[in-house]
Protein backbone atom coordinates (compact mmCIF):
# COMPACT_ATOMS: atom_id res chain seq x y z
CA UNK A 1 0.00 0.00 0.00
CA UNK A 2 2.82 2.39 0.82
CA UNK A 3 4.31 1.91 -2.65
CA UNK A 4 0.96 2.68 -4.28
CA UNK A 5 0.33 5.73 -2.13
CA UNK A 6 3.81 7.04 -2.87
CA UNK A 7 2.86 7.24 -6.56
CA UNK A 8 -0.15 9.48 -5.99
CA UNK A 9 -0.48 13.10 -5.03
CA UNK A 10 -1.66 14.18 -1.58
CA UNK A 11 -5.34 14.37 -2.53
CA UNK A 12 -5.19 11.04 -4.29
CA UNK A 13 -3.46 9.43 -1.34
CA UNK A 14 -6.23 10.60 0.98
CA UNK A 15 -8.91 9.09 -1.24
CA UNK A 16 -7.19 5.97 -2.58
CA UNK A 17 -7.52 3.56 0.35
CA UNK A 18 -11.12 4.55 1.19
CA UNK A 19 -12.08 4.16 -2.48
CA UNK A 20 -10.93 0.54 -2.41
CA UNK A 21 -13.64 -0.19 0.18
CA UNK A 22 -16.48 1.64 -1.55
CA UNK A 23 -18.17 -1.42 -3.03
CA UNK A 24 -18.06 -3.70 0.00
CA UNK A 25 -21.34 -4.49 1.72
CA UNK A 26 -20.44 -5.96 5.08
CA UNK A 27 -19.65 -4.51 8.48
CA UNK A 28 -16.39 -6.43 8.78
CA UNK A 29 -14.94 -4.42 5.88
CA UNK A 30 -16.20 -1.19 7.39
CA UNK A 31 -14.39 -2.03 10.61
CA UNK A 32 -11.28 -2.94 8.62
CA UNK A 33 -11.36 0.48 6.93
CA UNK A 34 -11.86 2.27 10.27
CA UNK A 35 -8.87 0.47 11.75
CA UNK A 36 -6.70 1.02 8.69
CA UNK A 37 -7.59 4.71 8.51
CA UNK A 38 -6.93 5.24 12.21
CA UNK A 39 -3.51 3.60 12.01
CA UNK A 40 -2.32 4.60 8.55
CA UNK A 41 -4.12 7.57 7.04
CA UNK A 42 -3.79 11.27 7.81
CA UNK A 43 -6.73 13.08 9.38
CA UNK A 44 -7.22 14.87 6.05
CA UNK A 45 -8.59 11.61 4.67
CA UNK A 46 -11.45 11.59 7.20
CA UNK A 47 -14.10 12.89 4.75
CA UNK A 48 -13.24 10.16 2.22
CA UNK A 49 -13.23 7.53 4.94
CA UNK A 50 -16.62 8.73 6.21
CA UNK A 51 -18.04 8.62 2.68
CA UNK A 52 -16.78 5.08 2.11
CA UNK A 53 -18.14 3.95 5.49
CA UNK A 54 -21.52 5.47 4.66
CA UNK A 55 -21.62 3.64 1.34
CA UNK A 56 -20.64 0.35 2.99
CA UNK A 57 -23.39 0.78 5.60
CA UNK A 58 -25.94 1.60 2.91
CA UNK A 59 -25.04 -1.48 0.88
CA UNK A 60 -25.03 -3.68 3.97
CA UNK A 61 -28.50 -2.54 5.04
CA UNK A 62 -29.80 -2.77 1.48
CA UNK A 63 -28.44 -6.30 1.10
CA UNK A 64 -30.19 -7.35 4.32
CA UNK A 65 -33.52 -5.83 3.25
CA UNK A 66 -33.25 -7.31 -0.21
CA UNK A 67 -32.47 -10.77 1.18
CA UNK A 68 -35.63 -10.70 3.31
CA UNK A 69 -37.75 -9.50 0.40
CA UNK A 70 -36.32 -12.11 -1.94
CA UNK A 71 -36.86 -14.84 0.59
CA UNK A 72 -40.48 -13.79 1.05
CA UNK A 73 -41.02 -13.62 -2.70
CA UNK A 74 -39.47 -17.06 -3.24
CA UNK A 75 -41.57 -18.56 -0.44
CA UNK A 76 -44.72 -17.23 -2.09
CA UNK A 77 -43.71 -18.61 -5.50
CA UNK A 78 -42.95 -22.06 -4.13
CA UNK A 79 -46.30 -22.45 -2.41
PDB file of N, CA and C in Angstrom:
ATOM      1  N   UNK A   1       0.826  -1.186   0.000  1.00  0.00           N
ATOM      2  CA  UNK A   1       0.000   0.000   0.000  1.00  0.00           C
ATOM      3  C   UNK A   1       0.869   1.248   0.000  1.00  0.00           C
ATOM      4  N   UNK A   2       1.945   1.225   0.770  1.00  0.00           N
ATOM      5  CA  UNK A   2       2.820   2.394   0.821  1.00  0.00           C
ATOM      6  C   UNK A   2       3.397   2.717  -0.550  1.00  0.00           C
ATOM      7  N   UNK A   3       3.767   1.686  -1.313  1.00  0.00           N
ATOM      8  CA  UNK A   3       4.309   1.910  -2.650  1.00  0.00           C
ATOM      9  C   UNK A   3       3.261   2.541  -3.567  1.00  0.00           C
ATOM     10  N   UNK A   4       2.023   2.099  -3.468  1.00  0.00           N
ATOM     11  CA  UNK A   4       0.957   2.677  -4.280  1.00  0.00           C
ATOM     12  C   UNK A   4       0.682   4.117  -3.888  1.00  0.00           C
ATOM     13  N   UNK A   5       0.602   4.376  -2.602  1.00  0.00           N
ATOM     14  CA  UNK A   5       0.330   5.732  -2.131  1.00  0.00           C
ATOM     15  C   UNK A   5       1.460   6.691  -2.476  1.00  0.00           C
ATOM     16  N   UNK A   6       2.667   6.190  -2.528  1.00  0.00           N
ATOM     17  CA  UNK A   6       3.810   7.035  -2.868  1.00  0.00           C
ATOM     18  C   UNK A   6       3.732   7.538  -4.309  1.00  0.00           C
ATOM     19  N   UNK A   7       2.992   6.859  -5.153  1.00  0.00           N
ATOM     20  CA  UNK A   7       2.865   7.242  -6.561  1.00  0.00           C
ATOM     21  C   UNK A   7       1.723   8.217  -6.812  1.00  0.00           C
ATOM     22  N   UNK A   8       0.980   8.566  -5.793  1.00  0.00           N
ATOM     23  CA  UNK A   8      -0.148   9.481  -5.985  1.00  0.00           C
ATOM     24  C   UNK A   8       0.126  10.802  -5.287  1.00  0.00           C
ATOM     25  N   UNK A   9      -0.629  11.804  -5.689  1.00  0.00           N
ATOM     26  CA  UNK A   9      -0.483  13.097  -5.030  1.00  0.00           C
ATOM     27  C   UNK A   9      -1.205  13.068  -3.688  1.00  0.00           C
ATOM     28  N   UNK A  10      -1.104  14.145  -2.934  1.00  0.00           N
ATOM     29  CA  UNK A  10      -1.664  14.178  -1.578  1.00  0.00           C
ATOM     30  C   UNK A  10      -3.170  13.939  -1.576  1.00  0.00           C
ATOM     31  N   UNK A  11      -3.889  14.575  -2.478  1.00  0.00           N
ATOM     32  CA  UNK A  11      -5.340  14.374  -2.527  1.00  0.00           C
ATOM     33  C   UNK A  11      -5.684  12.949  -2.925  1.00  0.00           C
ATOM     34  N   UNK A  12      -4.955  12.417  -3.876  1.00  0.00           N
ATOM     35  CA  UNK A  12      -5.191  11.041  -4.295  1.00  0.00           C
ATOM     36  C   UNK A  12      -4.888  10.052  -3.185  1.00  0.00           C
ATOM     37  N   UNK A  13      -3.832  10.324  -2.440  1.00  0.00           N
ATOM     38  CA  UNK A  13      -3.458   9.434  -1.336  1.00  0.00           C
ATOM     39  C   UNK A  13      -4.542   9.411  -0.267  1.00  0.00           C
ATOM     40  N   UNK A  14      -5.169  10.539  -0.038  1.00  0.00           N
ATOM     41  CA  UNK A  14      -6.227  10.601   0.978  1.00  0.00           C
ATOM     42  C   UNK A  14      -7.479   9.846   0.554  1.00  0.00           C
ATOM     43  N   UNK A  15      -7.696   9.732  -0.748  1.00  0.00           N
ATOM     44  CA  UNK A  15      -8.913   9.092  -1.242  1.00  0.00           C
ATOM     45  C   UNK A  15      -8.688   7.652  -1.692  1.00  0.00           C
ATOM     46  N   UNK A  16      -7.457   7.274  -1.960  1.00  0.00           N
ATOM     47  CA  UNK A  16      -7.193   5.973  -2.581  1.00  0.00           C
ATOM     48  C   UNK A  16      -7.650   4.797  -1.712  1.00  0.00           C
ATOM     49  N   UNK A  17      -7.153   4.702  -0.510  1.00  0.00           N
ATOM     50  CA  UNK A  17      -7.519   3.563   0.349  1.00  0.00           C
ATOM     51  C   UNK A  17      -9.023   3.505   0.621  1.00  0.00           C
ATOM     52  N   UNK A  18      -9.668   4.627   0.985  1.00  0.00           N
ATOM     53  CA  UNK A  18     -11.123   4.545   1.193  1.00  0.00           C
ATOM     54  C   UNK A  18     -11.873   4.113  -0.067  1.00  0.00           C
ATOM     55  N   UNK A  19     -11.380   4.528  -1.241  1.00  0.00           N
ATOM     56  CA  UNK A  19     -12.077   4.159  -2.477  1.00  0.00           C
ATOM     57  C   UNK A  19     -12.028   2.661  -2.735  1.00  0.00           C
ATOM     58  N   UNK A  20     -11.017   1.985  -2.233  1.00  0.00           N
ATOM     59  CA  UNK A  20     -10.931   0.536  -2.405  1.00  0.00           C
ATOM     60  C   UNK A  20     -12.050  -0.195  -1.669  1.00  0.00           C
ATOM     61  N   UNK A  21     -12.601   0.429  -0.644  1.00  0.00           N
ATOM     62  CA  UNK A  21     -13.635  -0.190   0.185  1.00  0.00           C
ATOM     63  C   UNK A  21     -15.051   0.174  -0.244  1.00  0.00           C
ATOM     64  N   UNK A  22     -15.180   1.084  -1.192  1.00  0.00           N
ATOM     65  CA  UNK A  22     -16.476   1.643  -1.549  1.00  0.00           C
ATOM     66  C   UNK A  22     -17.535   0.604  -1.878  1.00  0.00           C
ATOM     67  N   UNK A  23     -17.156  -0.479  -2.549  1.00  0.00           N
ATOM     68  CA  UNK A  23     -18.170  -1.420  -3.032  1.00  0.00           C
ATOM     69  C   UNK A  23     -18.384  -2.635  -2.136  1.00  0.00           C
ATOM     70  N   UNK A  24     -17.786  -2.631  -0.955  1.00  0.00           N
ATOM     71  CA  UNK A  24     -18.063  -3.704  -0.004  1.00  0.00           C
ATOM     72  C   UNK A  24     -19.441  -3.491   0.619  1.00  0.00           C
ATOM     73  N   UNK A  25     -19.998  -4.567   1.145  1.00  0.00           N
ATOM     74  CA  UNK A  25     -21.341  -4.488   1.717  1.00  0.00           C
ATOM     75  C   UNK A  25     -21.436  -5.261   3.022  1.00  0.00           C
ATOM     76  N   UNK A  26     -20.362  -5.266   3.799  1.00  0.00           N
ATOM     77  CA  UNK A  26     -20.440  -5.961   5.078  1.00  0.00           C
ATOM     78  C   UNK A  26     -19.689  -5.177   6.155  1.00  0.00           C
ATOM     79  N   UNK A  27     -20.185  -5.293   7.356  1.00  0.00           N
ATOM     80  CA  UNK A  27     -19.655  -4.514   8.485  1.00  0.00           C
ATOM     81  C   UNK A  27     -18.198  -4.843   8.788  1.00  0.00           C
ATOM     82  N   UNK A  28     -17.786  -6.061   8.512  1.00  0.00           N
ATOM     83  CA  UNK A  28     -16.391  -6.427   8.777  1.00  0.00           C
ATOM     84  C   UNK A  28     -15.440  -5.557   7.967  1.00  0.00           C
ATOM     85  N   UNK A  29     -15.786  -5.281   6.725  1.00  0.00           N
ATOM     86  CA  UNK A  29     -14.941  -4.421   5.882  1.00  0.00           C
ATOM     87  C   UNK A  29     -14.979  -2.983   6.356  1.00  0.00           C
ATOM     88  N   UNK A  30     -16.120  -2.546   6.843  1.00  0.00           N
ATOM     89  CA  UNK A  30     -16.205  -1.187   7.389  1.00  0.00           C
ATOM     90  C   UNK A  30     -15.276  -1.055   8.593  1.00  0.00           C
ATOM     91  N   UNK A  31     -15.275  -2.056   9.447  1.00  0.00           N
ATOM     92  CA  UNK A  31     -14.389  -2.027  10.606  1.00  0.00           C
ATOM     93  C   UNK A  31     -12.930  -2.069  10.169  1.00  0.00           C
ATOM     94  N   UNK A  32     -12.646  -2.856   9.152  1.00  0.00           N
ATOM     95  CA  UNK A  32     -11.281  -2.935   8.623  1.00  0.00           C
ATOM     96  C   UNK A  32     -10.826  -1.565   8.115  1.00  0.00           C
ATOM     97  N   UNK A  33     -11.701  -0.857   7.410  1.00  0.00           N
ATOM     98  CA  UNK A  33     -11.364   0.483   6.928  1.00  0.00           C
ATOM     99  C   UNK A  33     -11.150   1.441   8.094  1.00  0.00           C
ATOM    100  N   UNK A  34     -12.035   1.397   9.090  1.00  0.00           N
ATOM    101  CA  UNK A  34     -11.865   2.267  10.266  1.00  0.00           C
ATOM    102  C   UNK A  34     -10.495   2.055  10.911  1.00  0.00           C
ATOM    103  N   UNK A  35     -10.144   0.807  11.112  1.00  0.00           N
ATOM    104  CA  UNK A  35      -8.873   0.474  11.747  1.00  0.00           C
ATOM    105  C   UNK A  35      -7.701   0.922  10.877  1.00  0.00           C
ATOM    106  N   UNK A  36      -7.777   0.630   9.594  1.00  0.00           N
ATOM    107  CA  UNK A  36      -6.695   1.022   8.689  1.00  0.00           C
ATOM    108  C   UNK A  36      -6.532   2.535   8.672  1.00  0.00           C
ATOM    109  N   UNK A  37      -7.649   3.250   8.567  1.00  0.00           N
ATOM    110  CA  UNK A  37      -7.590   4.711   8.515  1.00  0.00           C
ATOM    111  C   UNK A  37      -6.999   5.285   9.801  1.00  0.00           C
ATOM    112  N   UNK A  38      -7.428   4.745  10.921  1.00  0.00           N
ATOM    113  CA  UNK A  38      -6.934   5.236  12.209  1.00  0.00           C
ATOM    114  C   UNK A  38      -5.423   5.053  12.326  1.00  0.00           C
ATOM    115  N   UNK A  39      -4.922   3.929  11.845  1.00  0.00           N
ATOM    116  CA  UNK A  39      -3.513   3.601  12.012  1.00  0.00           C
ATOM    117  C   UNK A  39      -2.607   4.075  10.883  1.00  0.00           C
ATOM    118  N   UNK A  40      -3.174   4.353   9.708  1.00  0.00           N
ATOM    119  CA  UNK A  40      -2.318   4.600   8.554  1.00  0.00           C
ATOM    120  C   UNK A  40      -2.610   5.852   7.739  1.00  0.00           C
ATOM    121  N   UNK A  41      -3.772   6.436   7.883  1.00  0.00           N
ATOM    122  CA  UNK A  41      -4.117   7.571   7.040  1.00  0.00           C
ATOM    123  C   UNK A  41      -4.087   8.878   7.827  1.00  0.00           C
ATOM    124  N   UNK A  42      -3.776   9.966   7.136  1.00  0.00           N
ATOM    125  CA  UNK A  42      -3.792  11.266   7.814  1.00  0.00           C
ATOM    126  C   UNK A  42      -5.225  11.701   8.101  1.00  0.00           C
ATOM    127  N   UNK A  43      -5.383  12.609   9.038  1.00  0.00           N
ATOM    128  CA  UNK A  43      -6.734  13.084   9.380  1.00  0.00           C
ATOM    129  C   UNK A  43      -7.413  13.765   8.201  1.00  0.00           C
ATOM    130  N   UNK A  44      -6.636  14.236   7.241  1.00  0.00           N
ATOM    131  CA  UNK A  44      -7.216  14.872   6.052  1.00  0.00           C
ATOM    132  C   UNK A  44      -8.041  13.895   5.227  1.00  0.00           C
ATOM    133  N   UNK A  45      -7.831  12.610   5.417  1.00  0.00           N
ATOM    134  CA  UNK A  45      -8.592  11.610   4.670  1.00  0.00           C
ATOM    135  C   UNK A  45      -9.939  11.300   5.326  1.00  0.00           C
ATOM    136  N   UNK A  46     -10.214  11.888   6.461  1.00  0.00           N
ATOM    137  CA  UNK A  46     -11.450  11.594   7.205  1.00  0.00           C
ATOM    138  C   UNK A  46     -12.721  11.748   6.370  1.00  0.00           C
ATOM    139  N   UNK A  47     -12.863  12.799   5.549  1.00  0.00           N
ATOM    140  CA  UNK A  47     -14.096  12.890   4.746  1.00  0.00           C
ATOM    141  C   UNK A  47     -14.263  11.727   3.771  1.00  0.00           C
ATOM    142  N   UNK A  48     -13.166  11.283   3.148  1.00  0.00           N
ATOM    143  CA  UNK A  48     -13.240  10.164   2.219  1.00  0.00           C
ATOM    144  C   UNK A  48     -13.540   8.863   2.960  1.00  0.00           C
ATOM    145  N   UNK A  49     -12.963   8.714   4.131  1.00  0.00           N
ATOM    146  CA  UNK A  49     -13.231   7.527   4.940  1.00  0.00           C
ATOM    147  C   UNK A  49     -14.701   7.506   5.355  1.00  0.00           C
ATOM    148  N   UNK A  50     -15.218   8.641   5.799  1.00  0.00           N
ATOM    149  CA  UNK A  50     -16.619   8.728   6.211  1.00  0.00           C
ATOM    150  C   UNK A  50     -17.547   8.406   5.044  1.00  0.00           C
ATOM    151  N   UNK A  51     -17.220   8.897   3.864  1.00  0.00           N
ATOM    152  CA  UNK A  51     -18.043   8.622   2.685  1.00  0.00           C
ATOM    153  C   UNK A  51     -18.036   7.130   2.364  1.00  0.00           C
ATOM    154  N   UNK A  52     -16.873   6.517   2.382  1.00  0.00           N
ATOM    155  CA  UNK A  52     -16.782   5.080   2.106  1.00  0.00           C
ATOM    156  C   UNK A  52     -17.542   4.278   3.156  1.00  0.00           C
ATOM    157  N   UNK A  53     -17.412   4.653   4.420  1.00  0.00           N
ATOM    158  CA  UNK A  53     -18.138   3.950   5.491  1.00  0.00           C
ATOM    159  C   UNK A  53     -19.641   4.077   5.306  1.00  0.00           C
ATOM    160  N   UNK A  54     -20.093   5.255   4.907  1.00  0.00           N
ATOM    161  CA  UNK A  54     -21.518   5.468   4.662  1.00  0.00           C
ATOM    162  C   UNK A  54     -22.011   4.575   3.521  1.00  0.00           C
ATOM    163  N   UNK A  55     -21.233   4.480   2.460  1.00  0.00           N
ATOM    164  CA  UNK A  55     -21.619   3.636   1.336  1.00  0.00           C
ATOM    165  C   UNK A  55     -21.633   2.158   1.724  1.00  0.00           C
ATOM    166  N   UNK A  56     -20.663   1.739   2.526  1.00  0.00           N
ATOM    167  CA  UNK A  56     -20.639   0.347   2.989  1.00  0.00           C
ATOM    168  C   UNK A  56     -21.875   0.061   3.833  1.00  0.00           C
ATOM    169  N   UNK A  57     -22.196   0.964   4.749  1.00  0.00           N
ATOM    170  CA  UNK A  57     -23.387   0.782   5.601  1.00  0.00           C
ATOM    171  C   UNK A  57     -24.651   0.699   4.758  1.00  0.00           C
ATOM    172  N   UNK A  58     -24.764   1.610   3.779  1.00  0.00           N
ATOM    173  CA  UNK A  58     -25.943   1.596   2.913  1.00  0.00           C
ATOM    174  C   UNK A  58     -26.075   0.260   2.205  1.00  0.00           C
ATOM    175  N   UNK A  59     -24.994  -0.218   1.601  1.00  0.00           N
ATOM    176  CA  UNK A  59     -25.035  -1.479   0.876  1.00  0.00           C
ATOM    177  C   UNK A  59     -25.338  -2.652   1.808  1.00  0.00           C
ATOM    178  N   UNK A  60     -24.792  -2.614   3.003  1.00  0.00           N
ATOM    179  CA  UNK A  60     -25.033  -3.684   3.969  1.00  0.00           C
ATOM    180  C   UNK A  60     -26.505  -3.740   4.355  1.00  0.00           C
ATOM    181  N   UNK A  61     -27.083  -2.587   4.666  1.00  0.00           N
ATOM    182  CA  UNK A  61     -28.496  -2.542   5.036  1.00  0.00           C
ATOM    183  C   UNK A  61     -29.383  -2.918   3.857  1.00  0.00           C
ATOM    184  N   UNK A  62     -29.026  -2.442   2.675  1.00  0.00           N
ATOM    185  CA  UNK A  62     -29.796  -2.765   1.479  1.00  0.00           C
ATOM    186  C   UNK A  62     -29.765  -4.261   1.207  1.00  0.00           C
ATOM    187  N   UNK A  63     -28.586  -4.855   1.330  1.00  0.00           N
ATOM    188  CA  UNK A  63     -28.444  -6.297   1.103  1.00  0.00           C
ATOM    189  C   UNK A  63     -29.326  -7.083   2.072  1.00  0.00           C
ATOM    190  N   UNK A  64     -29.361  -6.660   3.336  1.00  0.00           N
ATOM    191  CA  UNK A  64     -30.194  -7.354   4.322  1.00  0.00           C
ATOM    192  C   UNK A  64     -31.672  -7.238   3.970  1.00  0.00           C
ATOM    193  N   UNK A  65     -32.111  -6.018   3.606  1.00  0.00           N
ATOM    194  CA  UNK A  65     -33.523  -5.827   3.250  1.00  0.00           C
ATOM    195  C   UNK A  65     -33.877  -6.622   2.002  1.00  0.00           C
ATOM    196  N   UNK A  66     -33.002  -6.604   1.030  1.00  0.00           N
ATOM    197  CA  UNK A  66     -33.251  -7.310  -0.209  1.00  0.00           C
ATOM    198  C   UNK A  66     -33.324  -8.818   0.027  1.00  0.00           C
ATOM    199  N   UNK A  67     -32.457  -9.332   0.883  1.00  0.00           N
ATOM    200  CA  UNK A  67     -32.473 -10.767   1.178  1.00  0.00           C
ATOM    201  C   UNK A  67     -33.809 -11.181   1.782  1.00  0.00           C
ATOM    202  N   UNK A  68     -34.334 -10.394   2.694  1.00  0.00           N
ATOM    203  CA  UNK A  68     -35.626 -10.703   3.312  1.00  0.00           C
ATOM    204  C   UNK A  68     -36.731 -10.653   2.261  1.00  0.00           C
ATOM    205  N   UNK A  69     -36.720  -9.621   1.425  1.00  0.00           N
ATOM    206  CA  UNK A  69     -37.750  -9.496   0.398  1.00  0.00           C
ATOM    207  C   UNK A  69     -37.672 -10.633  -0.610  1.00  0.00           C
ATOM    208  N   UNK A  70     -36.475 -10.996  -1.008  1.00  0.00           N
ATOM    209  CA  UNK A  70     -36.321 -12.114  -1.944  1.00  0.00           C
ATOM    210  C   UNK A  70     -36.780 -13.425  -1.332  1.00  0.00           C
ATOM    211  N   UNK A  71     -36.442 -13.626  -0.090  1.00  0.00           N
ATOM    212  CA  UNK A  71     -36.859 -14.843   0.588  1.00  0.00           C
ATOM    213  C   UNK A  71     -38.377 -14.924   0.655  1.00  0.00           C
ATOM    214  N   UNK A  72     -39.019 -13.838   0.987  1.00  0.00           N
ATOM    215  CA  UNK A  72     -40.479 -13.787   1.050  1.00  0.00           C
ATOM    216  C   UNK A  72     -41.080 -14.062  -0.320  1.00  0.00           C
ATOM    217  N   UNK A  73     -40.527 -13.437  -1.329  1.00  0.00           N
ATOM    218  CA  UNK A  73     -41.019 -13.621  -2.697  1.00  0.00           C
ATOM    219  C   UNK A  73     -40.863 -15.073  -3.140  1.00  0.00           C
ATOM    220  N   UNK A  74     -39.712 -15.663  -2.861  1.00  0.00           N
ATOM    221  CA  UNK A  74     -39.469 -17.055  -3.239  1.00  0.00           C
ATOM    222  C   UNK A  74     -40.420 -17.984  -2.502  1.00  0.00           C
ATOM    223  N   UNK A  75     -40.630 -17.745  -1.216  1.00  0.00           N
ATOM    224  CA  UNK A  75     -41.571 -18.565  -0.442  1.00  0.00           C
ATOM    225  C   UNK A  75     -42.964 -18.519  -1.040  1.00  0.00           C
ATOM    226  N   UNK A  76     -43.392 -17.357  -1.491  1.00  0.00           N
ATOM    227  CA  UNK A  76     -44.725 -17.226  -2.093  1.00  0.00           C
ATOM    228  C   UNK A  76     -44.799 -17.957  -3.432  1.00  0.00           C
ATOM    229  N   UNK A  77     -43.717 -17.933  -4.193  1.00  0.00           N
ATOM    230  CA  UNK A  77     -43.710 -18.608  -5.502  1.00  0.00           C
ATOM    231  C   UNK A  77     -43.679 -20.124  -5.373  1.00  0.00           C
ATOM    232  N   UNK A  78     -43.071 -20.613  -4.328  1.00  0.00           N
ATOM    233  CA  UNK A  78     -42.949 -22.059  -4.127  1.00  0.00           C
ATOM    234  C   UNK A  78     -44.286 -22.659  -3.698  1.00  0.00           C
ATOM    235  N   UNK A  79     -45.036 -21.925  -2.945  1.00  0.00           N
ATOM    236  CA  UNK A  79     -46.304 -22.450  -2.410  1.00  0.00           C
ATOM    237  C   UNK A  79     -47.348 -22.610  -3.443  1.00  0.00           C
TER     238      UNK A  79
END
